[in-house]
């Protein structure tokens, strides 16, 4: 008995898939219900909100750093004085 080689088995599988895809399926006539639609709408809205918040975060953080860097020093601080966090600790 003759067996199919690797190439023949792949060709047979390919043609089986082609024939199965060409055979039309009967309509399901199934009722999905409003819950699936609301879930899909909620998922899309959540995705859009997450993308917008990510975009705002990526844009706002550098802008905030630029604004903070351009802000002048507070008037009560001396020009060369160390802040409390910069002063050495006493042991």
N, C-alpha and C. Protein backbone atom coordinates (compact mmCIF):
# COMPACT_ATOMS: atom_id res chain seq x y z
N UNK A 1 0.84 -1.16 0.00
CA UNK A 1 0.00 0.00 0.00
C UNK A 1 0.90 1.24 0.00
N UNK A 2 0.55 2.17 -0.81
CA UNK A 2 1.36 3.39 -0.97
C UNK A 2 0.89 4.47 0.01
N UNK A 3 1.84 5.12 0.72
CA UNK A 3 1.49 6.19 1.66
C UNK A 3 1.85 7.53 1.04
N UNK A 4 1.18 8.56 1.51
CA UNK A 4 1.47 9.91 1.04
C UNK A 4 2.73 10.42 1.73
N UNK A 5 3.56 11.11 0.99
CA UNK A 5 4.73 11.73 1.59
C UNK A 5 4.32 13.00 2.33
N UNK A 6 5.33 13.72 2.84
CA UNK A 6 5.04 14.97 3.55
C UNK A 6 4.32 15.96 2.65
N UNK A 7 4.77 16.07 1.42
CA UNK A 7 4.19 17.03 0.50
C UNK A 7 2.77 16.63 0.14
N UNK A 8 2.54 15.33 -0.04
CA UNK A 8 1.20 14.87 -0.39
C UNK A 8 0.23 15.05 0.76
N UNK A 9 0.67 14.83 1.98
CA UNK A 9 -0.19 15.01 3.15
C UNK A 9 -0.56 16.48 3.32
N UNK A 10 0.39 17.36 3.08
CA UNK A 10 0.11 18.80 3.18
C UNK A 10 -0.87 19.23 2.11
N UNK A 11 -0.69 18.72 0.89
CA UNK A 11 -1.59 19.07 -0.21
C UNK A 11 -3.00 18.56 0.08
N UNK A 12 -3.11 17.35 0.61
CA UNK A 12 -4.42 16.80 0.94
C UNK A 12 -5.10 17.63 2.03
N UNK A 13 -4.34 18.04 3.04
CA UNK A 13 -4.89 18.88 4.12
C UNK A 13 -5.32 20.23 3.57
N UNK A 14 -4.53 20.79 2.67
CA UNK A 14 -4.86 22.08 2.06
C UNK A 14 -6.17 21.98 1.29
N UNK A 15 -6.31 20.96 0.47
CA UNK A 15 -7.53 20.82 -0.33
C UNK A 15 -8.74 20.51 0.55
N UNK A 16 -8.53 19.80 1.63
CA UNK A 16 -9.63 19.55 2.56
C UNK A 16 -10.12 20.86 3.17
N UNK A 17 -9.20 21.73 3.54
CA UNK A 17 -9.56 23.04 4.10
C UNK A 17 -10.27 23.88 3.05
N UNK A 18 -9.80 23.86 1.81
CA UNK A 18 -10.43 24.63 0.74
C UNK A 18 -11.86 24.15 0.51
N UNK A 19 -12.05 22.84 0.44
CA UNK A 19 -13.39 22.30 0.21
C UNK A 19 -14.31 22.63 1.38
N UNK A 20 -13.82 22.51 2.62
CA UNK A 20 -14.65 22.80 3.78
C UNK A 20 -15.00 24.30 3.85
N UNK A 21 -14.10 25.16 3.43
CA UNK A 21 -14.38 26.60 3.43
C UNK A 21 -15.36 26.96 2.32
N UNK A 22 -15.37 26.21 1.23
CA UNK A 22 -16.25 26.51 0.11
C UNK A 22 -17.68 26.05 0.37
N UNK A 23 -17.87 25.08 1.25
CA UNK A 23 -19.21 24.59 1.56
C UNK A 23 -19.89 25.63 2.45
N UNK A 24 -21.00 26.18 2.00
CA UNK A 24 -21.65 27.21 2.82
C UNK A 24 -22.27 26.60 4.07
N UNK A 25 -22.17 27.32 5.17
CA UNK A 25 -22.76 26.88 6.43
C UNK A 25 -24.20 27.35 6.50
N UNK A 26 -25.02 26.60 7.15
CA UNK A 26 -26.42 26.99 7.33
C UNK A 26 -26.48 28.10 8.37
N UNK A 27 -27.40 29.04 8.21
CA UNK A 27 -27.51 30.11 9.20
C UNK A 27 -27.88 29.54 10.57
N UNK A 28 -27.35 30.15 11.62
CA UNK A 28 -27.55 29.63 12.97
C UNK A 28 -28.90 29.99 13.55
N UNK A 29 -29.48 31.11 13.14
CA UNK A 29 -30.76 31.56 13.68
C UNK A 29 -30.72 31.66 15.20
N UNK A 30 -29.64 32.19 15.74
CA UNK A 30 -29.47 32.26 17.19
C UNK A 30 -29.72 33.68 17.66
N UNK A 31 -30.26 33.79 18.86
CA UNK A 31 -30.51 35.08 19.49
C UNK A 31 -29.36 35.40 20.43
N UNK A 32 -28.73 36.53 20.21
CA UNK A 32 -27.58 36.89 21.03
C UNK A 32 -28.04 37.65 22.28
N UNK A 33 -28.92 38.59 22.14
CA UNK A 33 -29.41 39.34 23.29
C UNK A 33 -28.67 40.65 23.47
N UNK A 34 -29.23 41.55 24.26
CA UNK A 34 -28.63 42.87 24.43
C UNK A 34 -27.37 42.87 25.29
N UNK A 35 -27.18 41.85 26.11
CA UNK A 35 -26.01 41.82 26.99
C UNK A 35 -24.70 41.78 26.21
N UNK A 36 -24.67 41.05 25.11
CA UNK A 36 -23.45 40.96 24.32
C UNK A 36 -23.13 42.30 23.66
N UNK A 37 -24.16 42.99 23.20
CA UNK A 37 -23.94 44.31 22.58
C UNK A 37 -23.44 45.32 23.59
N UNK A 38 -24.04 45.31 24.78
CA UNK A 38 -23.60 46.24 25.82
C UNK A 38 -22.18 45.92 26.28
N UNK A 39 -21.85 44.65 26.34
CA UNK A 39 -20.49 44.27 26.71
C UNK A 39 -19.49 44.74 25.66
N UNK A 40 -19.85 44.58 24.40
CA UNK A 40 -18.95 45.01 23.33
C UNK A 40 -18.78 46.53 23.36
N UNK A 41 -19.87 47.26 23.56
CA UNK A 41 -19.79 48.72 23.63
C UNK A 41 -18.94 49.15 24.83
N UNK A 42 -19.14 48.49 25.97
CA UNK A 42 -18.34 48.82 27.16
C UNK A 42 -16.87 48.53 26.96
N UNK A 43 -16.56 47.42 26.28
CA UNK A 43 -15.15 47.08 26.04
C UNK A 43 -14.51 48.10 25.10
N UNK A 44 -15.23 48.53 24.07
CA UNK A 44 -14.68 49.52 23.14
C UNK A 44 -14.48 50.85 23.85
N UNK A 45 -15.45 51.26 24.68
CA UNK A 45 -15.29 52.52 25.41
C UNK A 45 -14.13 52.46 26.39
N UNK A 46 -13.96 51.32 27.05
CA UNK A 46 -12.83 51.17 27.98
C UNK A 46 -11.50 51.23 27.23
N UNK A 47 -11.44 50.61 26.06
CA UNK A 47 -10.22 50.64 25.25
C UNK A 47 -9.90 52.07 24.81
N UNK A 48 -10.91 52.79 24.35
CA UNK A 48 -10.69 54.18 23.92
C UNK A 48 -10.26 55.04 25.11
N UNK A 49 -10.88 54.86 26.27
CA UNK A 49 -10.50 55.63 27.45
C UNK A 49 -9.07 55.32 27.88
N UNK A 50 -8.69 54.05 27.83
CA UNK A 50 -7.33 53.67 28.21
C UNK A 50 -6.31 54.28 27.25
N UNK A 51 -6.61 54.26 25.96
CA UNK A 51 -5.69 54.85 24.98
C UNK A 51 -5.58 56.36 25.18
N UNK A 52 -6.70 57.02 25.44
CA UNK A 52 -6.65 58.47 25.66
C UNK A 52 -5.87 58.82 26.93
N UNK A 53 -6.10 58.07 28.00
CA UNK A 53 -5.36 58.33 29.24
C UNK A 53 -3.87 58.06 29.07
N UNK A 54 -3.53 57.02 28.31
CA UNK A 54 -2.12 56.75 28.05
C UNK A 54 -1.50 57.89 27.24
N UNK A 55 -2.22 58.38 26.26
CA UNK A 55 -1.71 59.49 25.45
C UNK A 55 -1.55 60.75 26.29
N UNK A 56 -2.54 61.03 27.13
CA UNK A 56 -2.44 62.20 28.02
C UNK A 56 -1.26 62.04 28.97
N UNK A 57 -1.08 60.83 29.50
CA UNK A 57 0.03 60.59 30.41
C UNK A 57 1.38 60.78 29.74
N UNK A 58 1.52 60.28 28.53
CA UNK A 58 2.79 60.42 27.82
C UNK A 58 3.06 61.85 27.39
N UNK A 59 2.00 62.63 27.17
CA UNK A 59 2.19 64.03 26.77
C UNK A 59 2.32 64.92 28.01
N UNK A 60 1.49 64.67 29.03
CA UNK A 60 1.44 65.56 30.18
C UNK A 60 2.71 65.48 31.04
N UNK A 61 3.29 64.30 31.21
CA UNK A 61 4.46 64.18 32.07
C UNK A 61 5.63 65.04 31.59
N UNK A 62 6.02 65.00 30.32
CA UNK A 62 7.11 65.89 29.89
C UNK A 62 6.74 67.37 29.97
N UNK A 63 5.47 67.69 29.69
CA UNK A 63 5.05 69.09 29.78
C UNK A 63 5.13 69.56 31.23
N UNK A 64 4.71 68.70 32.16
CA UNK A 64 4.77 69.05 33.58
C UNK A 64 6.21 69.26 34.02
N UNK A 65 7.12 68.42 33.55
CA UNK A 65 8.53 68.59 33.91
C UNK A 65 9.09 69.89 33.34
N UNK A 66 8.71 70.23 32.09
CA UNK A 66 9.17 71.49 31.51
C UNK A 66 8.64 72.68 32.29
N UNK A 67 7.36 72.64 32.66
CA UNK A 67 6.80 73.75 33.42
C UNK A 67 7.45 73.88 34.79
N UNK A 68 7.74 72.75 35.42
CA UNK A 68 8.38 72.77 36.74
C UNK A 68 9.82 73.29 36.61
N UNK A 69 10.51 72.96 35.53
CA UNK A 69 11.89 73.41 35.35
C UNK A 69 11.95 74.91 35.06
N UNK A 70 10.91 75.45 34.42
CA UNK A 70 10.91 76.87 34.09
C UNK A 70 10.43 77.74 35.24
N UNK A 71 9.81 77.13 36.28
CA UNK A 71 9.29 77.91 37.40
C UNK A 71 10.46 78.51 38.18
N UNK A 72 10.40 79.81 38.50
CA UNK A 72 11.49 80.42 39.29
C UNK A 72 11.50 79.88 40.71
N UNK A 73 12.64 80.01 41.38
CA UNK A 73 12.76 79.57 42.77
C UNK A 73 11.81 80.36 43.65
N UNK A 74 11.44 79.75 44.74
CA UNK A 74 10.56 80.42 45.71
C UNK A 74 11.29 81.62 46.31
N UNK A 75 10.60 82.71 46.62
CA UNK A 75 11.28 83.91 47.11
C UNK A 75 11.91 83.73 48.48
N UNK A 76 11.45 82.81 49.33
CA UNK A 76 11.99 82.65 50.66
C UNK A 76 13.30 81.87 50.68
N UNK A 77 13.67 81.24 49.59
CA UNK A 77 14.89 80.43 49.57
C UNK A 77 16.09 81.28 49.16
N UNK A 78 17.17 81.06 49.83
CA UNK A 78 18.42 81.75 49.46
C UNK A 78 18.97 81.09 48.21
N UNK A 79 19.74 81.83 47.46
CA UNK A 79 20.25 81.32 46.19
C UNK A 79 21.16 80.12 46.38
N UNK A 80 21.99 80.11 47.41
CA UNK A 80 22.93 79.01 47.58
C UNK A 80 22.58 78.08 48.73
N UNK A 81 21.46 78.29 49.38
CA UNK A 81 21.10 77.49 50.55
C UNK A 81 20.70 76.08 50.13
N UNK A 82 21.07 75.13 50.97
CA UNK A 82 20.69 73.74 50.72
C UNK A 82 19.28 73.49 51.23
N UNK A 83 18.56 72.65 50.52
CA UNK A 83 17.26 72.27 51.01
C UNK A 83 17.44 71.26 52.14
N UNK A 84 16.38 70.99 52.88
CA UNK A 84 16.46 70.07 54.00
C UNK A 84 16.86 68.68 53.55
N UNK A 85 16.39 68.25 52.38
CA UNK A 85 16.73 66.91 51.90
C UNK A 85 18.18 66.83 51.43
N UNK A 86 18.81 67.98 51.12
CA UNK A 86 20.19 68.00 50.64
C UNK A 86 21.22 68.16 51.76
N UNK A 87 20.76 68.51 52.96
CA UNK A 87 21.70 68.72 54.05
C UNK A 87 22.19 67.39 54.59
N UNK A 88 23.45 67.34 55.03
CA UNK A 88 23.99 66.08 55.57
C UNK A 88 23.30 65.70 56.87
N UNK A 89 23.19 64.41 57.11
CA UNK A 89 22.56 63.90 58.32
C UNK A 89 23.56 63.89 59.47
N UNK A 90 23.08 64.19 60.66
CA UNK A 90 23.94 64.12 61.84
C UNK A 90 23.83 62.71 62.42
N UNK A 91 24.95 62.17 62.77
CA UNK A 91 24.93 60.80 63.35
C UNK A 91 25.39 60.79 64.77
